[in-house]
N, C-alpha and C. Protein backbone atom coordinates (compact mmCIF):
# COMPACT_ATOMS: atom_id res chain seq x y z
N MET A 1 -4.52 15.08 1.00
CA MET A 1 -3.41 14.44 0.80
C MET A 1 -1.95 14.45 1.21
N ARG A 2 -1.28 13.75 0.96
CA ARG A 2 -0.08 13.95 2.12
C ARG A 2 1.08 13.39 1.60
N HIS A 3 2.49 13.09 2.19
CA HIS A 3 3.53 12.00 1.23
C HIS A 3 3.35 10.92 2.13
N ALA A 4 3.75 10.26 1.58
CA ALA A 4 4.12 8.94 2.33
C ALA A 4 4.86 8.65 3.30
N THR A 5 4.64 7.78 4.30
CA THR A 5 5.89 7.88 5.50
C THR A 5 7.16 6.90 4.99
N ASP A 6 8.01 6.88 5.42
CA ASP A 6 9.17 5.81 5.61
C ASP A 6 8.45 4.75 5.19
N LYS A 7 8.00 4.34 6.81
CA LYS A 7 7.45 2.74 6.79
C LYS A 7 6.46 2.63 5.68
N GLU A 8 5.65 3.56 4.91
CA GLU A 8 4.78 3.07 4.16
C GLU A 8 5.24 2.89 2.74
N ILE A 9 6.44 3.54 2.26
CA ILE A 9 7.24 3.70 1.11
C ILE A 9 8.09 2.24 1.37
N ALA A 10 8.59 1.96 2.02
CA ALA A 10 9.32 0.74 2.57
C ALA A 10 8.09 -0.53 2.29
N LEU A 11 7.05 -0.54 2.82
CA LEU A 11 6.18 -1.48 2.48
C LEU A 11 5.90 -1.31 0.96
N LEU A 12 5.75 -0.40 0.35
CA LEU A 12 5.46 -0.19 -0.91
C LEU A 12 6.42 -0.94 -1.68
N GLU A 13 7.38 -0.40 -1.51
CA GLU A 13 8.66 -1.20 -1.91
C GLU A 13 8.55 -2.72 -2.30
N GLU A 14 8.29 -3.40 -0.78
CA GLU A 14 8.42 -4.53 -0.94
C GLU A 14 7.19 -5.24 -1.72
N LEU A 15 6.38 -4.70 -1.66
CA LEU A 15 4.72 -5.14 -2.70
C LEU A 15 5.35 -5.19 -4.53
N ILE A 16 5.67 -3.91 -4.44
CA ILE A 16 6.28 -3.65 -5.95
C ILE A 16 7.03 -4.75 -6.20
N SER A 17 8.11 -5.40 -5.54
CA SER A 17 9.18 -5.82 -5.87
C SER A 17 8.71 -7.32 -6.17
N LYS A 18 8.00 -7.68 -5.35
CA LYS A 18 7.08 -8.92 -5.34
C LYS A 18 6.14 -8.81 -6.78
N ALA A 19 5.55 -7.91 -6.73
CA ALA A 19 4.90 -7.64 -8.32
C ALA A 19 5.16 -7.86 -9.62
N ASN A 20 4.95 -8.36 -10.68
CA ASN A 20 5.46 -8.36 -11.74
C ASN A 20 4.66 -7.23 -12.75
N ILE A 21 5.42 -6.08 -12.01
CA ILE A 21 4.89 -4.45 -13.14
C ILE A 21 5.76 -4.01 -13.60
N ASP A 22 5.72 -3.24 -14.63
CA ASP A 22 6.68 -2.15 -15.13
C ASP A 22 6.41 -1.04 -14.47
N ILE A 23 6.88 -0.68 -13.72
CA ILE A 23 6.90 0.73 -12.98
C ILE A 23 8.13 1.92 -13.14
N SER A 24 8.12 2.80 -13.38
CA SER A 24 9.18 4.24 -12.95
C SER A 24 9.68 3.96 -11.78
N PRO A 25 10.91 4.03 -11.97
CA PRO A 25 12.29 3.72 -10.62
C PRO A 25 11.92 5.14 -9.98
N ASP A 26 11.43 6.01 -10.31
CA ASP A 26 11.26 6.97 -9.56
C ASP A 26 9.88 7.64 -8.93
N TRP A 27 9.08 6.34 -8.88
CA TRP A 27 7.42 6.32 -8.59
C TRP A 27 7.51 7.07 -7.20
N LYS A 28 8.15 6.85 -6.41
CA LYS A 28 8.00 7.35 -5.31
C LYS A 28 8.17 9.01 -4.65
N ASP A 29 9.11 9.40 -5.93
CA ASP A 29 9.24 10.87 -6.05
C ASP A 29 7.95 11.66 -5.41
N ASN A 30 6.88 11.70 -6.47
CA ASN A 30 6.07 12.41 -6.22
C ASN A 30 4.57 11.55 -5.91
N LEU A 31 4.63 10.57 -4.95
CA LEU A 31 3.71 9.90 -4.63
C LEU A 31 3.13 10.42 -3.99
N LEU A 32 1.77 10.53 -3.79
CA LEU A 32 0.87 11.34 -2.64
C LEU A 32 0.06 10.21 -2.43
N VAL A 33 -0.52 10.02 -1.07
CA VAL A 33 -1.54 9.56 -0.44
C VAL A 33 -2.46 9.70 0.22
N SER A 34 -3.67 9.08 0.47
CA SER A 34 -4.89 9.60 1.46
C SER A 34 -5.11 8.30 2.09
N ASN A 35 -5.40 8.70 3.23
CA ASN A 35 -6.17 7.60 4.25
C ASN A 35 -7.21 7.24 3.84
N LEU A 36 -7.71 5.96 3.63
CA LEU A 36 -8.74 5.16 3.46
C LEU A 36 -9.63 5.10 5.13
N SER A 37 -10.91 5.33 5.27
CA SER A 37 -11.45 4.67 6.42
C SER A 37 -11.72 3.48 6.38
N ASP A 38 -11.06 3.02 7.27
CA ASP A 38 -10.81 1.36 7.43
C ASP A 38 -10.85 1.37 9.00
N GLU A 39 -11.12 2.42 10.03
CA GLU A 39 -11.04 2.22 11.29
C GLU A 39 -9.56 1.89 11.85
N GLY A 40 -8.60 2.60 11.21
CA GLY A 40 -7.51 2.78 11.56
C GLY A 40 -6.28 1.93 11.20
N MET A 41 -6.74 0.95 9.78
CA MET A 41 -6.02 -0.11 10.04
C MET A 41 -4.71 0.08 8.75
N GLY A 42 -5.05 1.31 8.92
CA GLY A 42 -3.64 1.86 7.85
C GLY A 42 -3.76 1.98 6.44
N SER A 43 -5.05 1.46 5.81
CA SER A 43 -5.29 1.51 4.42
C SER A 43 -5.01 2.80 3.64
N LEU A 44 -4.56 2.84 2.32
CA LEU A 44 -4.04 4.00 1.66
C LEU A 44 -4.83 3.96 0.20
N SER A 45 -5.27 5.50 -0.10
CA SER A 45 -5.17 5.25 -1.33
C SER A 45 -3.81 6.39 -2.28
N LEU A 46 -3.84 5.60 -3.50
CA LEU A 46 -2.48 5.99 -3.84
C LEU A 46 -2.49 6.78 -5.03
N TYR A 47 -2.05 7.84 -5.16
CA TYR A 47 -1.54 9.05 -6.34
C TYR A 47 -0.37 9.30 -6.83
N PRO A 48 -0.18 8.30 -7.72
CA PRO A 48 1.07 8.67 -8.43
C PRO A 48 1.18 10.10 -9.11
N SER A 49 2.20 10.64 -9.53
CA SER A 49 2.48 11.95 -10.33
C SER A 49 1.36 11.88 -11.34
N GLY A 50 0.81 12.73 -11.61
CA GLY A 50 -0.25 12.97 -12.89
C GLY A 50 -1.35 12.08 -12.84
N VAL A 51 -1.85 11.58 -11.55
CA VAL A 51 -3.23 11.09 -11.16
C VAL A 51 -4.20 11.46 -10.48
N ALA A 52 -3.74 12.39 -9.61
CA ALA A 52 -4.84 12.56 -8.44
C ALA A 52 -5.81 13.07 -8.87
N CYS A 53 -5.69 13.86 -10.30
CA CYS A 53 -6.90 14.54 -10.56
C CYS A 53 -8.02 13.65 -11.57
N LYS A 54 -7.47 12.53 -11.79
CA LYS A 54 -8.23 11.48 -12.66
C LYS A 54 -9.28 10.74 -11.93
N LYS A 55 -10.35 10.50 -12.40
CA LYS A 55 -11.22 9.50 -12.06
C LYS A 55 -10.91 7.96 -12.42
N ARG A 56 -10.62 7.37 -11.30
CA ARG A 56 -9.85 5.96 -11.42
C ARG A 56 -10.74 4.79 -11.01
N LYS A 57 -10.51 3.45 -12.04
CA LYS A 57 -11.34 2.51 -11.23
C LYS A 57 -10.38 1.68 -10.99
N PHE A 58 -10.87 0.82 -9.80
CA PHE A 58 -10.10 -0.70 -9.56
C PHE A 58 -9.88 -1.37 -10.97
N GLY A 59 -8.58 -1.69 -11.17
CA GLY A 59 -7.71 -2.71 -12.09
C GLY A 59 -7.72 -4.31 -11.48
N SER A 60 -6.22 -4.45 -10.76
CA SER A 60 -6.36 -5.74 -10.41
C SER A 60 -5.13 -5.61 -8.97
N GLN A 61 -5.36 -6.90 -8.37
CA GLN A 61 -4.13 -6.91 -6.92
C GLN A 61 -2.95 -7.42 -7.84
N VAL A 62 -1.94 -6.77 -7.37
CA VAL A 62 -0.64 -7.38 -7.86
C VAL A 62 0.48 -8.04 -6.98
N SER A 63 -0.15 -8.07 -5.81
CA SER A 63 0.88 -8.66 -4.78
C SER A 63 0.22 -8.44 -3.34
N ASP A 64 0.92 -9.51 -2.30
CA ASP A 64 0.70 -9.29 -1.10
C ASP A 64 1.51 -9.77 -0.11
N CYS A 65 1.85 -9.35 0.91
CA CYS A 65 2.50 -9.78 2.15
C CYS A 65 1.85 -9.60 3.48
N LEU A 66 2.59 -10.31 3.99
CA LEU A 66 2.30 -10.48 5.52
C LEU A 66 3.65 -10.07 6.53
N PHE A 67 3.18 -9.33 7.62
CA PHE A 67 4.05 -8.86 8.61
C PHE A 67 3.28 -8.90 9.71
N LYS A 68 3.60 -8.72 11.13
CA LYS A 68 3.05 -8.67 12.35
C LYS A 68 3.50 -7.31 13.11
N ASP A 69 2.34 -6.73 13.60
CA ASP A 69 2.13 -5.45 14.18
C ASP A 69 2.94 -5.67 15.94
N ILE A 70 3.47 -4.32 16.21
CA ILE A 70 4.04 -4.75 17.34
C ILE A 70 3.39 -5.56 18.38
N ASP A 71 2.05 -5.81 18.58
CA ASP A 71 1.60 -6.33 19.41
C ASP A 71 1.25 -7.59 19.16
N GLY A 72 2.30 -8.33 17.89
CA GLY A 72 2.11 -9.63 17.69
C GLY A 72 0.92 -10.07 16.72
N VAL A 73 -0.04 -9.35 16.32
CA VAL A 73 -0.90 -9.76 15.31
C VAL A 73 -0.55 -9.38 14.03
N ALA A 74 -1.02 -10.53 13.16
CA ALA A 74 -0.73 -10.55 11.74
C ALA A 74 -1.60 -9.58 11.11
N VAL A 75 -0.53 -9.30 9.83
CA VAL A 75 -1.21 -7.98 9.08
C VAL A 75 -1.10 -8.59 7.77
N ILE A 76 -1.99 -8.35 7.20
CA ILE A 76 -1.83 -8.63 5.40
C ILE A 76 -1.94 -7.53 4.91
N ALA A 77 -1.06 -7.28 3.72
CA ALA A 77 -1.09 -5.72 3.05
C ALA A 77 -0.77 -6.33 1.57
N SER A 78 -1.90 -5.79 1.16
CA SER A 78 -2.27 -5.99 -0.73
C SER A 78 -1.96 -4.80 -1.44
N LEU A 79 -1.75 -4.66 -2.88
CA LEU A 79 -1.17 -3.62 -3.73
C LEU A 79 -1.92 -3.96 -4.94
N TYR A 80 -2.80 -2.75 -5.09
CA TYR A 80 -3.53 -2.86 -5.99
C TYR A 80 -3.26 -1.92 -7.07
N LEU A 81 -3.42 -1.84 -8.43
CA LEU A 81 -3.28 -1.09 -9.24
C LEU A 81 -4.82 -0.56 -9.91
N ASP A 82 -4.92 0.53 -10.76
CA ASP A 82 -6.14 0.88 -11.45
C ASP A 82 -6.15 0.13 -12.60
N GLU A 83 -7.09 0.51 -13.30
CA GLU A 83 -7.25 -0.19 -15.04
C GLU A 83 -6.05 0.46 -15.96
N GLU A 84 -5.61 1.41 -15.66
CA GLU A 84 -4.21 1.38 -16.54
C GLU A 84 -3.13 1.16 -16.20
N GLY A 85 -3.00 0.47 -14.69
CA GLY A 85 -1.84 0.22 -14.10
C GLY A 85 -1.22 0.73 -13.48
N ASP A 86 -1.74 1.92 -12.98
CA ASP A 86 -1.20 2.61 -12.11
C ASP A 86 -1.13 2.53 -10.56
N LEU A 87 -0.40 2.54 -9.63
CA LEU A 87 -0.51 2.56 -7.91
C LEU A 87 -1.93 3.35 -7.95
N TYR A 88 -2.81 1.96 -7.27
CA TYR A 88 -4.35 2.40 -6.98
C TYR A 88 -4.37 2.31 -5.53
N GLU A 89 -4.13 1.25 -4.84
CA GLU A 89 -4.28 1.41 -3.54
C GLU A 89 -3.37 0.44 -2.41
N LEU A 90 -3.39 0.87 -1.52
CA LEU A 90 -2.61 0.15 -0.53
C LEU A 90 -3.68 -0.45 0.57
N ASP A 91 -3.88 -2.27 0.37
CA ASP A 91 -5.10 -2.39 1.43
C ASP A 91 -4.48 -2.86 2.96
N ILE A 92 -4.57 -2.58 3.74
CA ILE A 92 -4.09 -3.02 5.11
C ILE A 92 -5.06 -3.54 5.71
N TRP A 93 -5.01 -4.87 6.06
CA TRP A 93 -5.85 -5.91 6.86
C TRP A 93 -5.37 -6.73 8.28
N LYS A 94 -5.44 -5.90 9.17
CA LYS A 94 -5.08 -6.20 10.48
C LYS A 94 -6.07 -7.48 10.95
N THR A 95 -5.46 -8.61 11.39
CA THR A 95 -6.23 -10.01 11.41
C THR A 95 -7.25 -10.00 12.34
N ASP A 96 -6.88 -9.08 13.55
CA ASP A 96 -8.03 -8.93 14.86
C ASP A 96 -8.83 -7.58 14.35
N PHE A 97 -8.91 -7.14 13.13
CA PHE A 97 -9.52 -5.98 13.10
C PHE A 97 -9.35 -4.69 13.91
N GLY A 98 -8.13 -4.88 14.79
CA GLY A 98 -7.56 -3.95 15.41
C GLY A 98 -7.01 -2.65 14.81
N THR A 99 -6.36 -1.70 15.13
CA THR A 99 -5.90 -0.06 14.42
C THR A 99 -4.60 -1.11 14.37
N LEU A 100 -4.17 -0.51 13.19
CA LEU A 100 -2.52 -1.02 13.27
C LEU A 100 -1.72 0.13 13.91
N GLU A 101 -0.68 -0.59 14.69
CA GLU A 101 0.10 0.22 15.66
C GLU A 101 1.71 0.81 14.42
N GLU A 102 2.09 -0.11 14.13
CA GLU A 102 3.45 0.09 13.50
C GLU A 102 3.38 -0.98 12.14
N ILE A 103 4.17 -0.40 11.00
CA ILE A 103 4.42 -1.21 9.74
C ILE A 103 5.69 -1.98 10.18
N SER A 104 5.82 -3.20 10.08
CA SER A 104 6.95 -3.86 10.58
C SER A 104 8.02 -3.73 9.04
N GLU A 105 9.36 -3.87 9.51
CA GLU A 105 10.33 -4.10 8.46
C GLU A 105 10.62 -5.26 8.13
N ASP A 106 9.81 -6.38 8.63
CA ASP A 106 9.98 -8.13 8.31
C ASP A 106 8.84 -8.33 7.81
N PHE A 107 8.75 -8.25 6.47
CA PHE A 107 7.72 -8.83 5.65
C PHE A 107 8.17 -10.53 5.03
N GLN A 108 6.75 -10.92 5.07
CA GLN A 108 6.87 -12.57 4.62
C GLN A 108 6.00 -12.95 3.48
N ASP A 109 6.08 -13.72 3.26
CA ASP A 109 4.84 -14.36 1.69
C ASP A 109 3.64 -14.29 2.55
N VAL A 110 2.59 -14.42 1.59
CA VAL A 110 0.91 -14.96 2.37
C VAL A 110 1.22 -16.09 1.99
């Protein structure tokens, strides 16, 4: 596990702002992430403070957005919560199934 990068945090902030969820304002202070094996698309398991050791299950998708990778290929990012409403996963899908080069700072609605 590791701390999220600034670009990962910016993407999560966008997705959280679009979601209708109640989340602690300091959610990013102790957030840890781990890369999912998705052939380099950039998806992450999310571990807010206090949940790293818990067994968790998928709950729901709460938001998504679209951005373009630096090569111009569309990327869809989705935010998932676990059954208890905690951050669970950031799913990133590059529409050509390629490796994500960079998370953009220009997000659009899907």
